[in-house]
Amino acid sequence: MILDVPTVTFPGEGATCPIQRGTIVDTPGTARMLDRLLGHRLHRLDRPLLVVTTPVLGGIAYRAEARTAVEVLRPRSVLTVPTARAVATAADADLAHPLLVVDIGAHVTEVTLLTDGVVTDVRCTALGTDDLDVLAPPTRITEAVVAMVTAMLDQDHTSQTFDALQRGALLAGGGALRPDITYPLAGLLHAPVRPVRAPHTAAVRGAAKLLQAARSHPSVTVVGDPAGR
């Protein structure tokens, strides 16, 4: 089951967002939100195993705050995985070759290069679909993605980024549902782009697959690290 709801402390007027631009700005508020959304759904489980997807550039501080927040759910263990890796898992992508993952969210857009499933480069901008309006057209996002990919190509002394781009960028996030973003992006990148199925929930579905794998290997205690291993 996928629970797709706004990440707010409580519904209605006066609600606040404890997670903004891919950053946890209110850890206690995040804990209260998780308890409200999931606490009663997990009460039948004896200390559940949790998987948390994290922005690659969130770093150790983000993962520490996330782990603190989810303690309200009394987890037996908390596994963390980079969002791009979760998206690739949901898409059953071939990780034997370099893979470029473009995640266009509501408030953050992230471009990640995976090599053998490991994060080898990443770029991020605090811009998403919720920022778009008459004065801020979708071209802002497409131009930002192209700029990030160009920077990765310029700084990559191997052919990995180029090879990944030529095979086609994997698109996820709500922005992947918008043709006014995806079609121009393919033209500007001069390469194919491949939206994953149900891109707005791809990271959650990928996390679910990783959770199933972890359950069959109880000795696993950590999934993912700062380098995406």
Protein backbone atom coordinates (compact mmCIF):
# COMPACT_ATOMS: atom_id res chain seq x y z
CA MET A 1 0.00 0.00 0.00
CA ILE A 2 1.25 3.47 -0.89
CA LEU A 3 0.19 6.38 1.31
CA ASP A 4 0.47 9.56 -0.78
CA VAL A 5 -0.27 12.60 1.38
CA PRO A 6 1.17 16.10 1.95
CA THR A 7 4.13 16.16 4.34
CA VAL A 8 2.61 18.53 6.88
CA THR A 9 2.53 18.37 10.66
CA PHE A 10 -1.28 18.20 10.70
CA PRO A 11 -4.01 18.76 8.10
CA GLY A 12 -5.99 21.97 7.73
CA GLU A 13 -5.29 25.63 8.24
CA GLY A 14 -2.12 26.43 10.11
CA ALA A 15 -0.31 23.26 9.03
CA THR A 16 3.46 23.56 8.74
CA CYS A 17 5.95 21.68 6.58
CA PRO A 18 8.71 20.10 8.71
CA ILE A 19 10.58 19.06 5.55
CA GLN A 20 11.42 21.83 3.09
CA ARG A 21 13.57 21.77 -0.05
CA GLY A 22 14.82 18.29 0.78
CA THR A 23 15.90 19.36 4.27
CA ILE A 24 14.42 18.44 7.64
CA VAL A 25 13.87 21.84 9.25
CA ASP A 26 11.80 20.61 12.19
CA THR A 27 12.81 17.18 13.51
CA PRO A 28 10.18 17.01 16.31
CA GLY A 29 7.55 18.14 13.80
CA THR A 30 8.65 15.40 11.40
CA ALA A 31 8.30 12.86 14.20
CA ARG A 32 4.77 14.06 14.99
CA MET A 33 3.85 13.88 11.31
CA LEU A 34 5.13 10.30 11.01
CA ASP A 35 3.31 9.27 14.16
CA ARG A 36 0.06 10.78 12.87
CA LEU A 37 0.39 9.15 9.44
CA LEU A 38 1.92 5.80 10.32
CA GLY A 39 1.75 5.20 14.06
CA HIS A 40 -1.69 3.59 14.08
CA ARG A 41 -0.84 1.57 10.95
CA LEU A 42 2.26 0.04 12.51
CA HIS A 43 0.90 -0.64 15.98
CA ARG A 44 0.34 -4.32 15.11
CA LEU A 45 4.00 -4.79 14.17
CA ASP A 46 6.65 -5.70 16.71
CA ARG A 47 9.31 -3.05 16.13
CA PRO A 48 9.18 -2.73 12.31
CA LEU A 49 12.10 -2.55 9.90
CA LEU A 50 12.13 0.82 8.10
CA VAL A 51 13.77 2.05 4.90
CA VAL A 52 14.36 5.80 4.52
CA THR A 53 15.28 7.28 1.14
CA THR A 54 17.57 10.28 1.45
CA PRO A 55 18.83 13.00 -0.90
CA VAL A 56 22.44 12.24 -1.74
CA LEU A 57 23.62 15.72 -0.78
CA GLY A 58 21.69 15.61 2.49
CA GLY A 59 24.77 14.10 4.08
CA ILE A 60 25.27 12.68 7.55
CA ALA A 61 23.25 15.45 9.22
CA TYR A 62 20.12 14.64 7.21
CA ARG A 63 20.37 10.92 7.92
CA ALA A 64 20.90 11.57 11.62
CA GLU A 65 17.82 13.82 11.79
CA ALA A 66 15.78 11.31 9.81
CA ARG A 67 16.78 8.49 12.14
CA THR A 68 15.86 10.63 15.14
CA ALA A 69 12.45 11.43 13.66
CA VAL A 70 11.53 7.83 12.81
CA GLU A 71 12.32 6.68 16.35
CA VAL A 72 8.72 7.65 17.14
CA LEU A 73 7.72 4.51 15.19
CA ARG A 74 9.85 2.28 17.45
CA PRO A 75 11.76 0.63 14.59
CA ARG A 76 13.84 -2.48 15.07
CA SER A 77 16.29 -1.12 12.50
CA VAL A 78 16.47 1.82 10.10
CA LEU A 79 18.05 1.38 6.68
CA THR A 80 18.96 4.39 4.53
CA VAL A 81 19.37 4.44 0.76
CA PRO A 82 19.99 7.29 -1.73
CA THR A 83 16.80 8.30 -3.52
CA ALA A 84 18.40 7.74 -6.94
CA ARG A 85 19.26 4.14 -6.01
CA ALA A 86 15.68 3.56 -4.89
CA VAL A 87 14.38 4.96 -8.19
CA ALA A 88 16.71 2.69 -10.16
CA THR A 89 15.51 -0.28 -8.13
CA ALA A 90 11.86 0.55 -8.82
CA ALA A 91 12.62 0.74 -12.55
CA ASP A 92 14.57 -2.55 -12.54
CA ALA A 93 17.38 -0.60 -14.20
CA ASP A 94 20.54 -2.35 -15.37
CA LEU A 95 23.12 -1.16 -12.84
CA ALA A 96 25.94 -2.95 -14.63
CA HIS A 97 26.24 0.18 -16.78
CA PRO A 98 26.44 3.85 -15.73
CA LEU A 99 22.98 5.28 -15.11
CA LEU A 100 21.83 8.91 -15.00
CA VAL A 101 18.82 9.51 -12.72
CA VAL A 102 16.95 12.84 -12.89
CA ASP A 103 14.53 13.29 -9.98
CA ILE A 104 12.26 16.33 -10.48
CA GLY A 105 10.33 16.86 -7.28
CA ALA A 106 8.02 19.55 -5.99
CA HIS A 107 10.80 21.62 -4.41
CA VAL A 108 14.10 19.98 -5.38
CA THR A 109 15.59 18.64 -8.61
CA GLU A 110 18.47 16.19 -8.34
CA VAL A 111 20.68 14.65 -11.04
CA THR A 112 22.66 11.59 -9.98
CA LEU A 113 25.18 9.37 -11.75
CA LEU A 114 25.19 5.75 -10.59
CA THR A 115 28.11 3.54 -11.54
CA ASP A 116 27.74 -0.12 -10.59
CA GLY A 117 24.90 1.06 -8.38
CA VAL A 118 27.16 3.47 -6.48
CA VAL A 119 26.70 7.25 -6.50
CA THR A 120 29.73 8.72 -8.28
CA ASP A 121 28.44 12.24 -8.99
CA VAL A 122 25.41 14.32 -8.08
CA ARG A 123 24.05 17.81 -8.64
CA CYS A 124 21.06 19.42 -6.96
CA THR A 125 19.07 22.64 -7.23
CA ALA A 126 16.38 24.05 -4.93
CA LEU A 127 13.84 24.24 -7.74
CA GLY A 128 10.81 22.08 -8.40
CA THR A 129 7.40 21.91 -9.98
CA ASP A 130 5.74 23.88 -7.16
CA ASP A 131 7.90 26.86 -8.11
CA LEU A 132 6.47 27.08 -11.61
CA ASP A 133 3.90 29.71 -12.54
CA VAL A 134 3.28 32.26 -15.26
CA LEU A 135 6.48 34.11 -14.37
CA ALA A 136 8.47 30.91 -13.90
CA PRO A 137 7.83 28.60 -16.88
CA PRO A 138 8.83 24.91 -17.07
CA THR A 139 11.91 25.90 -19.06
CA ARG A 140 13.48 26.93 -15.74
CA ILE A 141 13.63 23.29 -14.71
CA THR A 142 14.76 21.95 -18.07
CA GLU A 143 17.52 24.55 -18.25
CA ALA A 144 18.59 23.74 -14.69
CA VAL A 145 18.79 20.02 -15.49
CA VAL A 146 20.80 20.67 -18.66
CA ALA A 147 23.19 22.91 -16.72
CA MET A 148 23.73 20.21 -14.08
CA VAL A 149 24.29 17.47 -16.66
CA THR A 150 26.68 19.73 -18.60
CA ALA A 151 28.69 20.38 -15.43
CA MET A 152 28.90 16.64 -14.79
CA LEU A 153 30.10 16.02 -18.35
CA ASP A 154 32.72 18.78 -18.07
CA GLN A 155 34.13 17.44 -14.81
CA ASP A 156 34.03 13.75 -15.70
CA HIS A 157 37.44 12.64 -16.95
CA THR A 158 35.99 9.27 -17.92
CA SER A 159 33.20 8.43 -20.37
CA GLN A 160 30.75 7.32 -17.67
CA THR A 161 28.47 10.38 -17.69
CA PHE A 162 28.45 10.53 -21.47
CA ASP A 163 27.72 6.80 -21.77
CA ALA A 164 24.88 7.06 -19.24
CA LEU A 165 23.39 10.04 -21.07
CA GLN A 166 23.53 8.30 -24.44
CA ARG A 167 21.67 5.30 -23.02
CA GLY A 168 18.98 7.65 -21.74
CA ALA A 169 18.32 9.50 -18.51
CA LEU A 170 15.88 7.89 -16.10
CA LEU A 171 13.24 10.42 -14.99
CA ALA A 172 11.42 10.33 -11.67
CA GLY A 173 9.43 12.68 -9.46
CA GLY A 174 6.25 14.56 -10.25
CA GLY A 175 8.03 16.58 -12.93
CA ALA A 176 8.40 13.41 -15.00
CA LEU A 177 4.60 13.47 -15.46
CA ARG A 178 4.75 16.82 -17.25
CA PRO A 179 5.26 16.70 -21.04
CA ASP A 180 6.16 20.40 -21.00
CA ILE A 181 9.27 19.38 -19.07
CA THR A 182 10.13 15.94 -20.44
CA TYR A 183 9.80 16.64 -24.18
CA PRO A 184 11.97 19.79 -24.25
CA LEU A 185 14.49 18.10 -21.94
CA ALA A 186 15.14 15.32 -24.44
CA GLY A 187 15.76 17.87 -27.15
CA LEU A 188 18.08 20.00 -25.06
CA LEU A 189 20.08 17.00 -23.86
CA HIS A 190 20.21 15.51 -27.38
CA ALA A 191 19.53 12.17 -25.71
CA PRO A 192 16.54 10.01 -24.83
CA VAL A 193 14.75 10.45 -21.50
CA ARG A 194 12.80 7.61 -19.92
CA PRO A 195 10.18 8.40 -17.26
CA VAL A 196 9.79 5.48 -14.88
CA ARG A 197 6.35 3.99 -14.26
CA ALA A 198 4.36 6.12 -11.79
CA PRO A 199 7.40 8.40 -11.38
CA HIS A 200 5.97 10.35 -8.42
CA THR A 201 6.05 7.19 -6.26
CA ALA A 202 9.13 5.51 -7.76
CA ALA A 203 11.40 6.13 -4.75
CA VAL A 204 8.81 4.66 -2.36
CA ARG A 205 8.31 1.57 -4.54
CA GLY A 206 12.05 1.10 -4.85
CA ALA A 207 12.41 1.37 -1.09
CA ALA A 208 9.73 -1.31 -0.72
CA LYS A 209 11.75 -3.67 -2.92
CA LEU A 210 14.85 -3.03 -0.87
CA LEU A 211 12.86 -3.62 2.29
CA GLN A 212 11.75 -7.02 1.01
CA ALA A 213 15.36 -7.89 0.25
CA ALA A 214 16.47 -6.77 3.71
CA ARG A 215 13.83 -8.91 5.37
CA SER A 216 15.26 -11.98 3.68
CA HIS A 217 18.76 -10.99 4.86
CA PRO A 218 18.36 -10.00 8.53
CA SER A 219 22.11 -9.64 8.95
CA VAL A 220 22.02 -6.51 6.77
CA THR A 221 22.05 -3.44 9.02
CA VAL A 222 22.82 -0.57 6.65
CA VAL A 223 21.76 0.08 3.06
CA GLY A 224 23.54 3.05 1.54
CA ASP A 225 26.20 5.39 2.88
CA PRO A 226 27.46 8.87 1.89
CA ALA A 227 28.86 7.38 -1.31
CA GLY A 228 25.73 5.38 -2.04
CA ARG A 229 27.29 1.94 -1.34
